[in-house]
N, C-alpha and C. Protein backbone atom coordinates (compact mmCIF):
# COMPACT_ATOMS: atom_id res chain seq x y z
N MET A 1 23.18 8.38 20.25
CA MET A 1 22.43 8.06 19.04
C MET A 1 21.22 8.99 18.91
N ASN A 2 21.12 9.70 17.79
CA ASN A 2 20.00 10.60 17.62
C ASN A 2 18.75 9.87 17.11
N ARG A 3 17.65 10.59 16.97
CA ARG A 3 16.40 9.95 16.59
C ARG A 3 16.47 9.28 15.21
N SER A 4 17.08 9.96 14.27
CA SER A 4 17.17 9.40 12.91
C SER A 4 17.96 8.10 12.90
N GLN A 5 19.05 8.06 13.65
CA GLN A 5 19.86 6.85 13.74
C GLN A 5 19.08 5.72 14.41
N LYS A 6 18.36 6.08 15.47
CA LYS A 6 17.52 5.09 16.15
C LYS A 6 16.47 4.53 15.19
N ALA A 7 15.82 5.42 14.47
CA ALA A 7 14.75 5.02 13.55
C ALA A 7 15.27 4.07 12.48
N LYS A 8 16.46 4.34 11.98
CA LYS A 8 17.06 3.49 10.96
C LYS A 8 17.33 2.09 11.50
N LYS A 9 17.89 2.02 12.70
CA LYS A 9 18.19 0.72 13.31
C LYS A 9 16.92 -0.03 13.68
N ILE A 10 15.94 0.70 14.23
CA ILE A 10 14.66 0.09 14.57
C ILE A 10 13.97 -0.43 13.31
N GLY A 11 14.03 0.34 12.25
CA GLY A 11 13.43 -0.08 10.98
C GLY A 11 14.03 -1.38 10.47
N ALA A 12 15.34 -1.51 10.59
CA ALA A 12 16.01 -2.73 10.13
C ALA A 12 15.56 -3.94 10.95
N ILE A 13 15.41 -3.75 12.26
CA ILE A 13 14.94 -4.84 13.13
C ILE A 13 13.51 -5.24 12.77
N LEU A 14 12.66 -4.24 12.57
CA LEU A 14 11.26 -4.51 12.23
C LEU A 14 11.15 -5.22 10.88
N ASP A 15 11.99 -4.82 9.92
CA ASP A 15 11.97 -5.46 8.60
C ASP A 15 12.39 -6.92 8.69
N SER A 16 13.32 -7.21 9.59
CA SER A 16 13.78 -8.59 9.73
C SER A 16 12.73 -9.45 10.42
N LEU A 17 12.01 -8.85 11.37
CA LEU A 17 10.98 -9.59 12.11
C LEU A 17 9.69 -9.73 11.31
N TYR A 18 9.35 -8.69 10.57
CA TYR A 18 8.08 -8.66 9.84
C TYR A 18 8.29 -8.23 8.39
N PRO A 19 8.86 -9.12 7.57
CA PRO A 19 9.10 -8.77 6.17
C PRO A 19 7.80 -8.54 5.40
N THR A 20 6.72 -9.18 5.85
CA THR A 20 5.41 -8.93 5.26
C THR A 20 4.50 -8.41 6.36
N THR A 21 3.54 -7.59 5.99
CA THR A 21 2.67 -6.97 6.99
C THR A 21 1.20 -7.14 6.60
N PRO A 22 0.66 -8.34 6.81
CA PRO A 22 -0.76 -8.55 6.51
C PRO A 22 -1.64 -7.75 7.46
N ILE A 23 -2.74 -7.25 6.95
CA ILE A 23 -3.67 -6.49 7.79
C ILE A 23 -4.37 -7.46 8.73
N PRO A 24 -4.32 -7.22 10.02
CA PRO A 24 -4.89 -8.18 10.99
C PRO A 24 -6.41 -8.24 11.01
N LEU A 25 -7.06 -7.25 10.42
CA LEU A 25 -8.52 -7.23 10.38
C LEU A 25 -9.03 -7.84 9.08
N GLU A 26 -9.92 -8.82 9.19
CA GLU A 26 -10.44 -9.48 8.00
C GLU A 26 -11.41 -8.55 7.27
N HIS A 27 -11.25 -8.50 5.94
CA HIS A 27 -12.08 -7.62 5.13
C HIS A 27 -11.99 -8.06 3.67
N SER A 28 -12.90 -7.55 2.85
CA SER A 28 -12.90 -7.91 1.44
C SER A 28 -13.08 -6.70 0.52
N SER A 29 -13.21 -5.53 1.11
CA SER A 29 -13.43 -4.31 0.33
C SER A 29 -13.04 -3.11 1.16
N ALA A 30 -13.00 -1.95 0.52
CA ALA A 30 -12.72 -0.74 1.27
C ALA A 30 -13.77 -0.52 2.35
N TYR A 31 -15.02 -0.83 2.03
CA TYR A 31 -16.09 -0.61 2.99
C TYR A 31 -15.97 -1.56 4.19
N THR A 32 -15.74 -2.85 3.94
CA THR A 32 -15.63 -3.78 5.06
C THR A 32 -14.39 -3.49 5.91
N LEU A 33 -13.32 -3.00 5.27
CA LEU A 33 -12.14 -2.60 6.05
C LEU A 33 -12.49 -1.40 6.93
N LEU A 34 -13.19 -0.44 6.36
CA LEU A 34 -13.60 0.73 7.13
C LEU A 34 -14.44 0.33 8.34
N VAL A 35 -15.38 -0.56 8.13
CA VAL A 35 -16.24 -1.02 9.22
C VAL A 35 -15.41 -1.74 10.29
N ALA A 36 -14.52 -2.62 9.86
CA ALA A 36 -13.71 -3.38 10.80
C ALA A 36 -12.81 -2.48 11.64
N VAL A 37 -12.20 -1.50 10.99
CA VAL A 37 -11.32 -0.58 11.73
C VAL A 37 -12.13 0.25 12.71
N MET A 38 -13.29 0.72 12.27
CA MET A 38 -14.14 1.50 13.16
C MET A 38 -14.56 0.67 14.38
N LEU A 39 -14.86 -0.59 14.16
CA LEU A 39 -15.26 -1.46 15.27
C LEU A 39 -14.10 -1.76 16.22
N SER A 40 -12.87 -1.68 15.72
CA SER A 40 -11.71 -2.08 16.52
C SER A 40 -11.33 -1.10 17.62
N ALA A 41 -11.93 0.08 17.62
CA ALA A 41 -11.61 1.05 18.66
C ALA A 41 -11.95 0.48 20.04
N GLN A 42 -10.97 0.51 20.93
CA GLN A 42 -11.11 -0.01 22.30
C GLN A 42 -11.53 -1.49 22.34
N THR A 43 -11.17 -2.22 21.31
CA THR A 43 -11.47 -3.65 21.22
C THR A 43 -10.32 -4.33 20.48
N THR A 44 -10.06 -5.57 20.75
CA THR A 44 -8.98 -6.28 20.07
C THR A 44 -9.38 -6.67 18.65
N ASP A 45 -8.39 -6.77 17.78
CA ASP A 45 -8.65 -7.22 16.42
C ASP A 45 -9.24 -8.63 16.42
N LYS A 46 -8.78 -9.45 17.35
CA LYS A 46 -9.29 -10.82 17.44
C LYS A 46 -10.79 -10.82 17.67
N LYS A 47 -11.24 -9.96 18.57
CA LYS A 47 -12.67 -9.89 18.87
C LYS A 47 -13.45 -9.36 17.66
N VAL A 48 -12.90 -8.39 16.99
CA VAL A 48 -13.56 -7.85 15.79
C VAL A 48 -13.71 -8.94 14.74
N ASN A 49 -12.65 -9.72 14.53
CA ASN A 49 -12.70 -10.78 13.54
C ASN A 49 -13.67 -11.90 13.90
N GLN A 50 -14.05 -11.94 15.16
CA GLN A 50 -15.02 -12.96 15.59
C GLN A 50 -16.45 -12.55 15.26
N VAL A 51 -16.70 -11.25 15.22
CA VAL A 51 -18.08 -10.79 15.00
C VAL A 51 -18.35 -10.33 13.57
N THR A 52 -17.30 -9.92 12.84
CA THR A 52 -17.55 -9.40 11.49
C THR A 52 -18.03 -10.44 10.48
N PRO A 53 -17.67 -11.72 10.57
CA PRO A 53 -18.22 -12.66 9.60
C PRO A 53 -19.75 -12.67 9.58
N ASP A 54 -20.36 -12.66 10.76
CA ASP A 54 -21.82 -12.63 10.84
C ASP A 54 -22.35 -11.30 10.32
N LEU A 55 -21.68 -10.21 10.72
CA LEU A 55 -22.12 -8.89 10.27
C LEU A 55 -22.03 -8.76 8.76
N PHE A 56 -20.90 -9.17 8.19
CA PHE A 56 -20.70 -9.02 6.76
C PHE A 56 -21.53 -9.99 5.92
N SER A 57 -21.95 -11.10 6.54
CA SER A 57 -22.82 -12.02 5.81
C SER A 57 -24.19 -11.38 5.59
N LYS A 58 -24.53 -10.43 6.45
CA LYS A 58 -25.81 -9.73 6.34
C LYS A 58 -25.67 -8.35 5.72
N ALA A 59 -24.51 -7.73 5.90
CA ALA A 59 -24.36 -6.35 5.42
C ALA A 59 -22.90 -6.05 5.10
N ASP A 60 -22.49 -6.42 3.89
CA ASP A 60 -21.11 -6.13 3.47
C ASP A 60 -21.04 -4.94 2.51
N THR A 61 -22.15 -4.23 2.40
CA THR A 61 -22.19 -3.00 1.60
C THR A 61 -23.01 -1.96 2.38
N PRO A 62 -22.83 -0.68 2.07
CA PRO A 62 -23.62 0.34 2.75
C PRO A 62 -25.12 0.14 2.54
N GLU A 63 -25.47 -0.28 1.33
CA GLU A 63 -26.89 -0.47 1.01
C GLU A 63 -27.52 -1.54 1.90
N LYS A 64 -26.81 -2.61 2.15
CA LYS A 64 -27.33 -3.68 3.01
C LYS A 64 -27.33 -3.25 4.47
N MET A 65 -26.35 -2.43 4.85
CA MET A 65 -26.26 -2.00 6.24
C MET A 65 -27.44 -1.10 6.61
N VAL A 66 -27.83 -0.21 5.72
CA VAL A 66 -28.93 0.70 6.06
C VAL A 66 -30.26 -0.05 6.14
N ASP A 67 -30.32 -1.23 5.55
CA ASP A 67 -31.54 -2.03 5.63
C ASP A 67 -31.71 -2.71 6.99
N LEU A 68 -30.64 -2.75 7.77
CA LEU A 68 -30.72 -3.33 9.11
C LEU A 68 -31.09 -2.26 10.12
N ASP A 69 -31.89 -2.61 11.10
CA ASP A 69 -32.17 -1.62 12.14
C ASP A 69 -31.04 -1.64 13.16
N VAL A 70 -30.94 -0.56 13.90
CA VAL A 70 -29.83 -0.40 14.84
C VAL A 70 -29.77 -1.53 15.87
N ASP A 71 -30.92 -1.97 16.35
CA ASP A 71 -30.95 -3.04 17.35
C ASP A 71 -30.38 -4.35 16.80
N THR A 72 -30.64 -4.62 15.53
CA THR A 72 -30.11 -5.83 14.90
C THR A 72 -28.59 -5.74 14.80
N ILE A 73 -28.11 -4.59 14.38
CA ILE A 73 -26.66 -4.38 14.28
C ILE A 73 -26.02 -4.53 15.66
N LYS A 74 -26.64 -3.91 16.65
CA LYS A 74 -26.11 -3.96 18.01
C LYS A 74 -26.04 -5.39 18.53
N LYS A 75 -27.05 -6.17 18.23
CA LYS A 75 -27.07 -7.56 18.69
C LYS A 75 -25.93 -8.36 18.06
N ILE A 76 -25.65 -8.09 16.79
CA ILE A 76 -24.58 -8.81 16.09
C ILE A 76 -23.21 -8.47 16.67
N ILE A 77 -23.02 -7.20 17.03
CA ILE A 77 -21.70 -6.75 17.50
C ILE A 77 -21.66 -6.55 19.01
N GLN A 78 -22.59 -7.14 19.73
CA GLN A 78 -22.73 -6.87 21.16
C GLN A 78 -21.50 -7.20 22.00
N GLU A 79 -20.64 -8.10 21.51
CA GLU A 79 -19.43 -8.44 22.26
C GLU A 79 -18.33 -7.41 22.08
N ILE A 80 -18.54 -6.47 21.17
CA ILE A 80 -17.56 -5.43 20.89
C ILE A 80 -17.74 -4.28 21.88
N GLY A 81 -16.65 -3.68 22.31
CA GLY A 81 -16.74 -2.52 23.18
C GLY A 81 -17.49 -1.38 22.52
N LEU A 82 -18.29 -0.67 23.31
CA LEU A 82 -19.07 0.47 22.83
C LEU A 82 -20.06 0.09 21.73
N ALA A 83 -20.58 -1.12 21.81
CA ALA A 83 -21.48 -1.65 20.77
C ALA A 83 -22.68 -0.75 20.47
N PRO A 84 -23.39 -0.22 21.48
CA PRO A 84 -24.56 0.62 21.17
C PRO A 84 -24.22 1.83 20.30
N THR A 85 -23.14 2.52 20.66
CA THR A 85 -22.72 3.70 19.90
C THR A 85 -22.24 3.30 18.51
N LYS A 86 -21.47 2.23 18.43
CA LYS A 86 -20.95 1.79 17.15
C LYS A 86 -22.06 1.33 16.21
N ALA A 87 -23.10 0.70 16.76
CA ALA A 87 -24.23 0.26 15.93
C ALA A 87 -24.91 1.46 15.28
N LYS A 88 -25.14 2.50 16.08
CA LYS A 88 -25.75 3.72 15.54
C LYS A 88 -24.86 4.35 14.48
N ASN A 89 -23.57 4.39 14.74
CA ASN A 89 -22.64 4.98 13.78
C ASN A 89 -22.56 4.18 12.49
N LEU A 90 -22.62 2.85 12.58
CA LEU A 90 -22.57 2.02 11.38
C LEU A 90 -23.72 2.33 10.44
N LYS A 91 -24.91 2.45 11.00
CA LYS A 91 -26.08 2.74 10.17
C LYS A 91 -25.99 4.15 9.57
N LYS A 92 -25.60 5.12 10.41
CA LYS A 92 -25.47 6.49 9.94
C LYS A 92 -24.37 6.62 8.89
N MET A 93 -23.25 5.95 9.14
CA MET A 93 -22.13 5.99 8.20
C MET A 93 -22.52 5.41 6.85
N ALA A 94 -23.25 4.32 6.87
CA ALA A 94 -23.69 3.69 5.63
C ALA A 94 -24.55 4.64 4.81
N GLN A 95 -25.47 5.34 5.49
CA GLN A 95 -26.33 6.30 4.79
C GLN A 95 -25.53 7.47 4.23
N GLN A 96 -24.53 7.91 4.97
CA GLN A 96 -23.67 9.00 4.50
C GLN A 96 -22.92 8.60 3.23
N ILE A 97 -22.45 7.35 3.21
CA ILE A 97 -21.71 6.86 2.04
C ILE A 97 -22.63 6.78 0.83
N ILE A 98 -23.83 6.29 1.03
CA ILE A 98 -24.81 6.20 -0.06
C ILE A 98 -25.15 7.59 -0.58
N ASP A 99 -25.40 8.51 0.32
CA ASP A 99 -25.76 9.88 -0.07
C ASP A 99 -24.64 10.56 -0.85
N ALA A 100 -23.40 10.16 -0.55
CA ALA A 100 -22.24 10.77 -1.22
C ALA A 100 -21.90 10.07 -2.52
N GLY A 101 -22.64 9.03 -2.86
CA GLY A 101 -22.38 8.32 -4.12
C GLY A 101 -21.33 7.24 -4.01
N GLY A 102 -20.99 6.85 -2.80
CA GLY A 102 -20.04 5.76 -2.61
C GLY A 102 -18.80 6.18 -1.83
N LEU A 103 -18.04 5.18 -1.43
CA LEU A 103 -16.82 5.41 -0.66
C LEU A 103 -15.71 5.85 -1.60
N ARG A 104 -14.88 6.75 -1.16
CA ARG A 104 -13.78 7.21 -2.01
C ARG A 104 -12.58 7.60 -1.17
N ALA A 105 -11.41 7.64 -1.82
CA ALA A 105 -10.16 7.98 -1.15
C ALA A 105 -10.04 9.48 -0.98
N ASP A 106 -10.72 9.99 0.02
CA ASP A 106 -10.73 11.43 0.27
C ASP A 106 -10.68 11.65 1.78
N TRP A 107 -9.64 12.31 2.24
CA TRP A 107 -9.44 12.49 3.67
C TRP A 107 -10.61 13.20 4.35
N VAL A 108 -11.02 14.31 3.76
CA VAL A 108 -12.10 15.10 4.37
C VAL A 108 -13.39 14.29 4.43
N PHE A 109 -13.69 13.58 3.34
CA PHE A 109 -14.90 12.77 3.30
C PHE A 109 -14.86 11.65 4.35
N LEU A 110 -13.77 10.91 4.39
CA LEU A 110 -13.67 9.80 5.33
C LEU A 110 -13.80 10.27 6.78
N GLU A 111 -13.11 11.36 7.11
CA GLU A 111 -13.14 11.84 8.49
C GLU A 111 -14.46 12.51 8.86
N SER A 112 -15.32 12.73 7.86
CA SER A 112 -16.64 13.30 8.14
C SER A 112 -17.68 12.23 8.46
N LEU A 113 -17.31 10.97 8.25
CA LEU A 113 -18.25 9.88 8.46
C LEU A 113 -18.44 9.57 9.95
N ALA A 114 -19.63 9.16 10.31
CA ALA A 114 -19.94 8.85 11.71
C ALA A 114 -19.03 7.75 12.24
N GLY A 115 -18.42 7.98 13.37
CA GLY A 115 -17.57 6.98 14.00
C GLY A 115 -16.19 6.83 13.40
N VAL A 116 -15.85 7.69 12.44
CA VAL A 116 -14.55 7.59 11.77
C VAL A 116 -13.69 8.79 12.13
N GLY A 117 -12.58 8.53 12.78
CA GLY A 117 -11.63 9.58 13.11
C GLY A 117 -10.43 9.53 12.19
N HIS A 118 -9.43 10.32 12.50
CA HIS A 118 -8.24 10.39 11.64
C HIS A 118 -7.51 9.06 11.56
N LYS A 119 -7.41 8.37 12.69
CA LYS A 119 -6.67 7.09 12.69
C LYS A 119 -7.37 6.07 11.81
N THR A 120 -8.70 5.96 11.93
CA THR A 120 -9.45 5.01 11.11
C THR A 120 -9.33 5.36 9.64
N ALA A 121 -9.46 6.63 9.32
CA ALA A 121 -9.32 7.07 7.93
C ALA A 121 -7.92 6.75 7.40
N SER A 122 -6.93 6.93 8.26
CA SER A 122 -5.54 6.67 7.85
C SER A 122 -5.32 5.20 7.50
N VAL A 123 -5.92 4.30 8.27
CA VAL A 123 -5.77 2.87 7.99
C VAL A 123 -6.38 2.53 6.63
N VAL A 124 -7.56 3.04 6.35
CA VAL A 124 -8.21 2.77 5.06
C VAL A 124 -7.41 3.37 3.91
N MET A 125 -6.96 4.59 4.08
CA MET A 125 -6.18 5.24 3.03
C MET A 125 -4.88 4.48 2.74
N SER A 126 -4.22 4.04 3.80
CA SER A 126 -2.92 3.38 3.61
C SER A 126 -3.06 1.93 3.17
N GLN A 127 -3.97 1.18 3.81
CA GLN A 127 -4.01 -0.25 3.57
C GLN A 127 -4.93 -0.67 2.42
N TRP A 128 -5.88 0.15 2.05
CA TRP A 128 -6.71 -0.21 0.90
C TRP A 128 -6.34 0.60 -0.33
N TYR A 129 -6.26 1.91 -0.16
CA TYR A 129 -5.98 2.77 -1.31
C TYR A 129 -4.49 2.96 -1.56
N GLU A 130 -3.65 2.46 -0.66
CA GLU A 130 -2.19 2.52 -0.78
C GLU A 130 -1.67 3.94 -0.91
N ILE A 131 -2.32 4.83 -0.19
CA ILE A 131 -1.89 6.22 -0.11
C ILE A 131 -1.07 6.37 1.17
N PRO A 132 0.14 6.91 1.09
CA PRO A 132 0.98 7.00 2.28
C PRO A 132 0.28 7.66 3.47
N ALA A 133 0.25 6.94 4.59
CA ALA A 133 -0.33 7.45 5.82
C ALA A 133 0.34 6.72 6.97
N PHE A 134 0.27 7.29 8.15
CA PHE A 134 0.92 6.65 9.30
C PHE A 134 -0.07 6.63 10.46
N PRO A 135 -1.01 5.68 10.45
CA PRO A 135 -1.98 5.59 11.54
C PRO A 135 -1.25 5.32 12.86
N VAL A 136 -1.55 6.10 13.87
CA VAL A 136 -0.92 5.92 15.17
C VAL A 136 -1.98 5.55 16.21
N ASP A 137 -1.84 4.36 16.77
CA ASP A 137 -2.74 3.94 17.84
C ASP A 137 -1.98 4.00 19.17
N THR A 138 -2.60 3.52 20.21
CA THR A 138 -1.96 3.60 21.53
C THR A 138 -0.67 2.78 21.61
N HIS A 139 -0.62 1.66 20.86
CA HIS A 139 0.60 0.84 20.84
C HIS A 139 1.77 1.65 20.29
N ILE A 140 1.55 2.27 19.13
CA ILE A 140 2.62 3.03 18.48
C ILE A 140 3.00 4.26 19.30
N HIS A 141 2.00 4.93 19.85
CA HIS A 141 2.26 6.11 20.68
C HIS A 141 3.15 5.73 21.86
N ARG A 142 2.84 4.61 22.48
CA ARG A 142 3.61 4.14 23.64
C ARG A 142 5.04 3.80 23.25
N LEU A 143 5.23 3.08 22.15
CA LEU A 143 6.57 2.69 21.72
C LEU A 143 7.41 3.90 21.34
N ALA A 144 6.80 4.86 20.65
CA ALA A 144 7.53 6.05 20.22
C ALA A 144 8.07 6.81 21.43
N LYS A 145 7.28 6.87 22.49
CA LYS A 145 7.74 7.54 23.71
C LYS A 145 8.78 6.69 24.43
N ARG A 146 8.55 5.40 24.50
CA ARG A 146 9.45 4.48 25.20
C ARG A 146 10.83 4.47 24.57
N TRP A 147 10.87 4.63 23.25
CA TRP A 147 12.16 4.58 22.53
C TRP A 147 12.76 5.95 22.26
N GLY A 148 12.08 7.00 22.71
CA GLY A 148 12.62 8.34 22.51
C GLY A 148 12.49 8.84 21.09
N LEU A 149 11.56 8.30 20.33
CA LEU A 149 11.34 8.76 18.96
C LEU A 149 10.41 9.97 18.92
N SER A 150 9.69 10.18 20.01
CA SER A 150 8.77 11.31 20.09
C SER A 150 8.51 11.63 21.55
N LYS A 151 8.37 12.92 21.82
CA LYS A 151 8.01 13.37 23.17
C LYS A 151 6.55 13.83 23.19
N ALA A 152 5.84 13.54 22.13
CA ALA A 152 4.46 14.02 21.97
C ALA A 152 3.54 13.50 23.06
N LYS A 153 2.56 14.32 23.41
CA LYS A 153 1.60 13.95 24.43
C LYS A 153 0.32 13.34 23.84
N ASN A 154 0.20 13.38 22.51
CA ASN A 154 -0.99 12.79 21.89
C ASN A 154 -0.61 12.11 20.59
N VAL A 155 -1.52 11.30 20.07
CA VAL A 155 -1.22 10.49 18.88
C VAL A 155 -1.03 11.34 17.64
N GLU A 156 -1.72 12.48 17.56
CA GLU A 156 -1.57 13.34 16.39
C GLU A 156 -0.15 13.88 16.28
N MET A 157 0.42 14.31 17.40
CA MET A 157 1.78 14.82 17.38
C MET A 157 2.79 13.71 17.18
N THR A 158 2.49 12.52 17.72
CA THR A 158 3.38 11.38 17.50
C THR A 158 3.42 11.03 16.02
N GLU A 159 2.27 11.06 15.38
CA GLU A 159 2.21 10.78 13.94
C GLU A 159 3.11 11.74 13.18
N ARG A 160 3.04 13.01 13.51
CA ARG A 160 3.87 14.02 12.86
C ARG A 160 5.36 13.71 13.03
N ASP A 161 5.75 13.34 14.25
CA ASP A 161 7.16 13.05 14.53
C ASP A 161 7.64 11.82 13.77
N LEU A 162 6.84 10.76 13.75
CA LEU A 162 7.26 9.52 13.09
C LEU A 162 7.34 9.68 11.58
N LYS A 163 6.47 10.49 11.02
CA LYS A 163 6.52 10.72 9.58
C LYS A 163 7.84 11.36 9.15
N LYS A 164 8.44 12.10 10.06
CA LYS A 164 9.72 12.76 9.75
C LYS A 164 10.89 11.77 9.79
N LEU A 165 10.70 10.65 10.50
CA LEU A 165 11.80 9.70 10.69
C LEU A 165 11.91 8.66 9.59
N TRP A 166 10.81 8.37 8.92
CA TRP A 166 10.83 7.39 7.83
C TRP A 166 10.21 7.99 6.57
N SER A 167 10.70 7.58 5.42
CA SER A 167 10.16 8.10 4.16
C SER A 167 8.72 7.63 3.98
N ASP A 168 7.96 8.38 3.21
CA ASP A 168 6.54 8.05 3.06
C ASP A 168 6.32 6.70 2.38
N SER A 169 7.32 6.21 1.68
CA SER A 169 7.19 4.89 1.04
C SER A 169 7.18 3.76 2.08
N LEU A 170 7.60 4.07 3.30
CA LEU A 170 7.66 3.07 4.37
C LEU A 170 6.51 3.18 5.36
N TRP A 171 5.78 4.27 5.34
CA TRP A 171 4.76 4.52 6.36
C TRP A 171 3.74 3.39 6.47
N ASN A 172 3.23 2.94 5.32
CA ASN A 172 2.13 1.98 5.34
C ASN A 172 2.49 0.67 6.01
N LYS A 173 3.72 0.21 5.81
CA LYS A 173 4.12 -1.05 6.46
C LYS A 173 4.69 -0.81 7.85
N ARG A 174 5.33 0.36 8.03
CA ARG A 174 5.99 0.60 9.32
C ARG A 174 4.97 0.67 10.46
N HIS A 175 3.81 1.26 10.22
CA HIS A 175 2.85 1.36 11.32
C HIS A 175 2.34 -0.02 11.74
N LEU A 176 2.18 -0.93 10.76
CA LEU A 176 1.75 -2.29 11.10
C LEU A 176 2.87 -3.05 11.82
N GLN A 177 4.10 -2.86 11.37
CA GLN A 177 5.22 -3.52 12.04
C GLN A 177 5.32 -3.09 13.50
N LEU A 178 5.11 -1.82 13.74
CA LEU A 178 5.17 -1.31 15.12
C LEU A 178 4.05 -1.89 15.98
N ILE A 179 2.87 -2.01 15.41
CA ILE A 179 1.75 -2.61 16.14
C ILE A 179 2.07 -4.07 16.47
N PHE A 180 2.55 -4.82 15.46
CA PHE A 180 2.88 -6.23 15.68
C PHE A 180 3.94 -6.37 16.77
N PHE A 181 4.97 -5.52 16.69
CA PHE A 181 6.07 -5.60 17.67
C PHE A 181 5.57 -5.27 19.08
N GLY A 182 4.76 -4.23 19.17
CA GLY A 182 4.24 -3.84 20.48
C GLY A 182 3.42 -4.94 21.13
N ARG A 183 2.63 -5.63 20.34
CA ARG A 183 1.79 -6.69 20.88
C ARG A 183 2.60 -7.93 21.23
N GLU A 184 3.59 -8.25 20.40
CA GLU A 184 4.32 -9.51 20.57
C GLU A 184 5.53 -9.40 21.50
N TYR A 185 6.23 -8.29 21.43
CA TYR A 185 7.49 -8.18 22.18
C TYR A 185 7.56 -7.05 23.20
N CYS A 186 6.71 -6.06 23.08
CA CYS A 186 6.89 -4.85 23.88
C CYS A 186 5.57 -4.37 24.48
N PRO A 187 4.96 -5.18 25.36
CA PRO A 187 3.66 -4.81 25.93
C PRO A 187 3.78 -3.65 26.92
N ALA A 188 2.64 -3.07 27.24
CA ALA A 188 2.63 -1.94 28.16
C ALA A 188 2.99 -2.36 29.58
N ARG A 189 2.57 -3.56 29.97
CA ARG A 189 2.80 -4.04 31.33
C ARG A 189 3.62 -5.33 31.34
N ASN A 190 4.25 -5.57 32.47
CA ASN A 190 5.03 -6.80 32.68
C ASN A 190 6.05 -7.02 31.56
N HIS A 191 6.71 -5.92 31.17
CA HIS A 191 7.70 -5.98 30.10
C HIS A 191 9.09 -5.95 30.68
N ASN A 192 9.98 -6.74 30.10
CA ASN A 192 11.38 -6.77 30.52
C ASN A 192 12.20 -6.00 29.50
N PRO A 193 12.41 -4.70 29.69
CA PRO A 193 13.11 -3.89 28.70
C PRO A 193 14.54 -4.35 28.43
N GLU A 194 15.21 -4.84 29.47
CA GLU A 194 16.59 -5.29 29.28
C GLU A 194 16.69 -6.47 28.31
N GLY A 195 15.61 -7.26 28.24
CA GLY A 195 15.63 -8.41 27.35
C GLY A 195 14.96 -8.17 26.02
N CYS A 196 14.52 -6.94 25.80
CA CYS A 196 13.83 -6.58 24.56
C CYS A 196 14.83 -6.21 23.48
N VAL A 197 14.63 -6.71 22.27
CA VAL A 197 15.56 -6.49 21.17
C VAL A 197 15.68 -5.02 20.79
N ILE A 198 14.71 -4.21 21.15
CA ILE A 198 14.79 -2.77 20.87
C ILE A 198 14.95 -1.95 22.14
N CYS A 199 14.12 -2.21 23.14
CA CYS A 199 14.21 -1.45 24.39
C CYS A 199 15.57 -1.55 25.05
N SER A 200 16.24 -2.68 24.89
CA SER A 200 17.52 -2.90 25.56
C SER A 200 18.57 -1.86 25.17
N TRP A 201 18.43 -1.27 23.99
CA TRP A 201 19.40 -0.25 23.58
C TRP A 201 18.74 1.10 23.27
N ALA A 202 17.46 1.09 22.90
CA ALA A 202 16.80 2.34 22.52
C ALA A 202 15.89 2.89 23.61
N GLY A 203 15.52 2.05 24.56
CA GLY A 203 14.56 2.47 25.58
C GLY A 203 15.09 3.55 26.51
N LEU A 204 14.24 4.51 26.81
CA LEU A 204 14.61 5.55 27.76
C LEU A 204 14.51 4.98 29.18
N LYS A 205 15.49 5.23 29.98
CA LYS A 205 15.56 4.63 31.32
C LYS A 205 14.34 4.95 32.18
N LYS A 206 13.74 6.11 31.98
CA LYS A 206 12.62 6.49 32.83
C LYS A 206 11.40 5.62 32.61
N TYR A 207 11.36 4.91 31.46
CA TYR A 207 10.23 4.02 31.20
C TYR A 207 10.50 2.58 31.67
N PHE A 208 11.73 2.31 32.07
CA PHE A 208 12.05 0.96 32.52
C PHE A 208 11.33 0.61 33.81
N LYS A 209 10.99 1.63 34.59
CA LYS A 209 10.30 1.38 35.85
C LYS A 209 8.89 0.86 35.65
N ASN A 210 8.37 0.97 34.40
CA ASN A 210 7.02 0.50 34.11
C ASN A 210 6.97 -0.95 33.66
N LYS A 211 8.11 -1.61 33.74
CA LYS A 211 8.15 -3.00 33.26
C LYS A 211 7.30 -3.91 34.14
């Protein structure tokens, strides 16, 4: 079975398991989604959703965020990984957005913001602006290698490979489906590949030793 055939079968399984793909991060605007995704780096979505209600009650716009000092922001998000750095970036990012006249669907602009990389920009572009993108996190990178969909050594190359396997009309939901599947059925550790609905037939044998 070649990669395209695998991708088609995997896609059918994911569609049956996750016919709808709600965004796991709570948000109410492009800006709050951007903040939530930025905060989620090296932290669980669950933890982000625990701290953002307090943060957004005080600063759900760039204008309100710049009015907070960095120490206040840090205290609110202190349970989040890398909180000191993220607090500084939140304030700087808010000022950058204000200076630019507001948030907009522009790749170069989004990736120029403090604390925002390609993956974060991709999530906002795909999930808020509905522009085809394929954000690749460590879950997706791991699954793509485990299933032989990509031999890439980094997430950027994995993104390139996966975009070739599915049409751009599917990218926005497919990346969320892969994240959901990785968390629920295909964890990095203590995984039983033989009993996995995808690994059992698509998994490369060399990764079975990591179960």
